[in-house]
Amino acid sequence: MGGPIGLYGFARPKPERADELERLLLSFVAPTRSEPGSLQYQVHRDTADPGLFVFYELWQSGADLQRHLELAHMRDFQDRRMTTCSPTSRSIGCGH
């Protein structure tokens, strides 16, 4: 089945790296929104829990999402995310 695919996730940074992670995640917003197939890309810092970031992505297709994840800066983030994030951070894919 084709069609849009969503992804949401939670990032809980190491306390001393929260501001650094926020800058990094926000730096992805504009370029990601301009990628082919990007329908929505949101990053939020929880006001009740400033140590929690929530992101939501919606892509036209799974292929568009895969293309995004294969970009150099996204691969670099995936490879290094544990230097900034705690082990409780996670991403969850949503179906079509």
Protein backbone atom coordinates (compact mmCIF):
# COMPACT_ATOMS: atom_id res chain seq x y z
CA MET A 1 0.00 0.00 0.00
CA GLY A 2 1.41 3.37 -1.00
CA GLY A 3 0.74 6.82 0.26
CA PRO A 4 1.99 9.11 2.98
CA ILE A 5 4.03 7.73 5.85
CA GLY A 6 4.59 9.36 9.20
CA LEU A 7 7.30 9.07 11.79
CA TYR A 8 7.38 10.47 15.28
CA GLY A 9 10.00 10.31 17.93
CA PHE A 10 11.14 11.40 21.32
CA ALA A 11 14.62 12.63 22.14
CA ARG A 12 15.74 13.01 25.72
CA PRO A 13 19.17 14.62 25.76
CA LYS A 14 21.82 14.22 28.36
CA PRO A 15 21.05 17.16 30.70
CA GLU A 16 24.25 19.04 29.91
CA ARG A 17 23.62 18.71 26.14
CA ALA A 18 19.94 19.81 25.92
CA ASP A 19 20.60 23.21 24.33
CA GLU A 20 23.08 21.68 21.90
CA LEU A 21 20.53 19.06 20.83
CA GLU A 22 17.85 21.71 20.42
CA ARG A 23 20.08 23.75 18.09
CA LEU A 24 20.93 20.62 16.10
CA LEU A 25 17.33 19.44 15.72
CA LEU A 26 16.13 22.92 14.76
CA SER A 27 18.90 23.18 12.15
CA PHE A 28 17.24 20.27 10.32
CA VAL A 29 13.81 21.94 10.01
CA ALA A 30 14.20 24.30 7.03
CA PRO A 31 16.29 21.97 4.84
CA THR A 32 14.06 18.99 5.58
CA ARG A 33 10.87 20.89 4.79
CA SER A 34 12.33 21.75 1.38
CA GLU A 35 13.17 18.14 0.49
CA PRO A 36 11.11 16.42 -2.21
CA GLY A 37 8.29 14.45 -0.62
CA SER A 38 8.37 16.27 2.73
CA LEU A 39 4.81 17.10 3.75
CA GLN A 40 5.46 18.09 7.36
CA TYR A 41 8.43 18.27 9.71
CA GLN A 42 7.98 19.54 13.27
CA VAL A 43 10.34 19.69 16.24
CA HIS A 44 9.08 20.69 19.68
CA ARG A 45 10.66 21.10 23.10
CA ASP A 46 8.19 20.15 25.81
CA THR A 47 7.38 23.20 27.95
CA ALA A 48 6.47 21.06 30.96
CA ASP A 49 9.60 18.92 30.56
CA PRO A 50 12.40 20.92 28.86
CA GLY A 51 14.49 17.75 28.73
CA LEU A 52 12.12 16.19 26.20
CA PHE A 53 12.03 16.87 22.47
CA VAL A 54 9.26 15.53 20.25
CA PHE A 55 9.43 15.45 16.48
CA TYR A 56 6.94 14.52 13.81
CA GLU A 57 7.57 13.90 10.13
CA LEU A 58 5.15 13.19 7.33
CA TRP A 59 6.42 12.06 3.95
CA GLN A 60 4.68 11.49 0.64
CA SER A 61 6.10 7.96 0.51
CA GLY A 62 8.38 5.54 2.27
CA ALA A 63 10.92 6.11 -0.51
CA ASP A 64 10.96 9.84 0.28
CA LEU A 65 11.55 9.13 3.97
CA GLN A 66 14.30 6.65 3.12
CA ARG A 67 15.98 9.21 0.84
CA HIS A 68 15.88 11.73 3.72
CA LEU A 69 17.42 9.25 6.16
CA GLU A 70 20.24 8.52 3.71
CA LEU A 71 21.35 12.16 3.47
CA ALA A 72 24.84 12.74 4.86
CA HIS A 73 23.76 14.99 7.74
CA MET A 74 21.05 12.54 8.81
CA ARG A 75 23.42 9.57 8.70
CA ASP A 76 25.91 11.61 10.73
CA PHE A 77 23.21 12.43 13.29
CA GLN A 78 22.15 8.78 13.55
CA ASP A 79 25.78 7.72 14.03
CA ARG A 80 26.48 10.34 16.73
CA ARG A 81 23.10 10.80 18.42
CA MET A 82 24.03 8.84 21.52
CA THR A 83 26.73 11.39 22.35
CA THR A 84 23.89 13.89 22.82
CA CYS A 85 20.82 11.77 23.60
CA SER A 86 20.06 9.43 26.45
CA PRO A 87 19.29 5.78 25.72
CA THR A 88 15.56 6.44 26.23
CA SER A 89 15.31 8.40 22.96
CA ARG A 90 13.37 6.60 20.24
CA SER A 91 11.61 6.95 16.91
CA ILE A 92 8.39 5.26 15.95
CA GLY A 93 7.12 4.78 12.43
CA CYS A 94 3.47 5.18 11.59
CA GLY A 95 1.82 3.36 8.75
CA HIS A 96 0.08 4.76 5.73
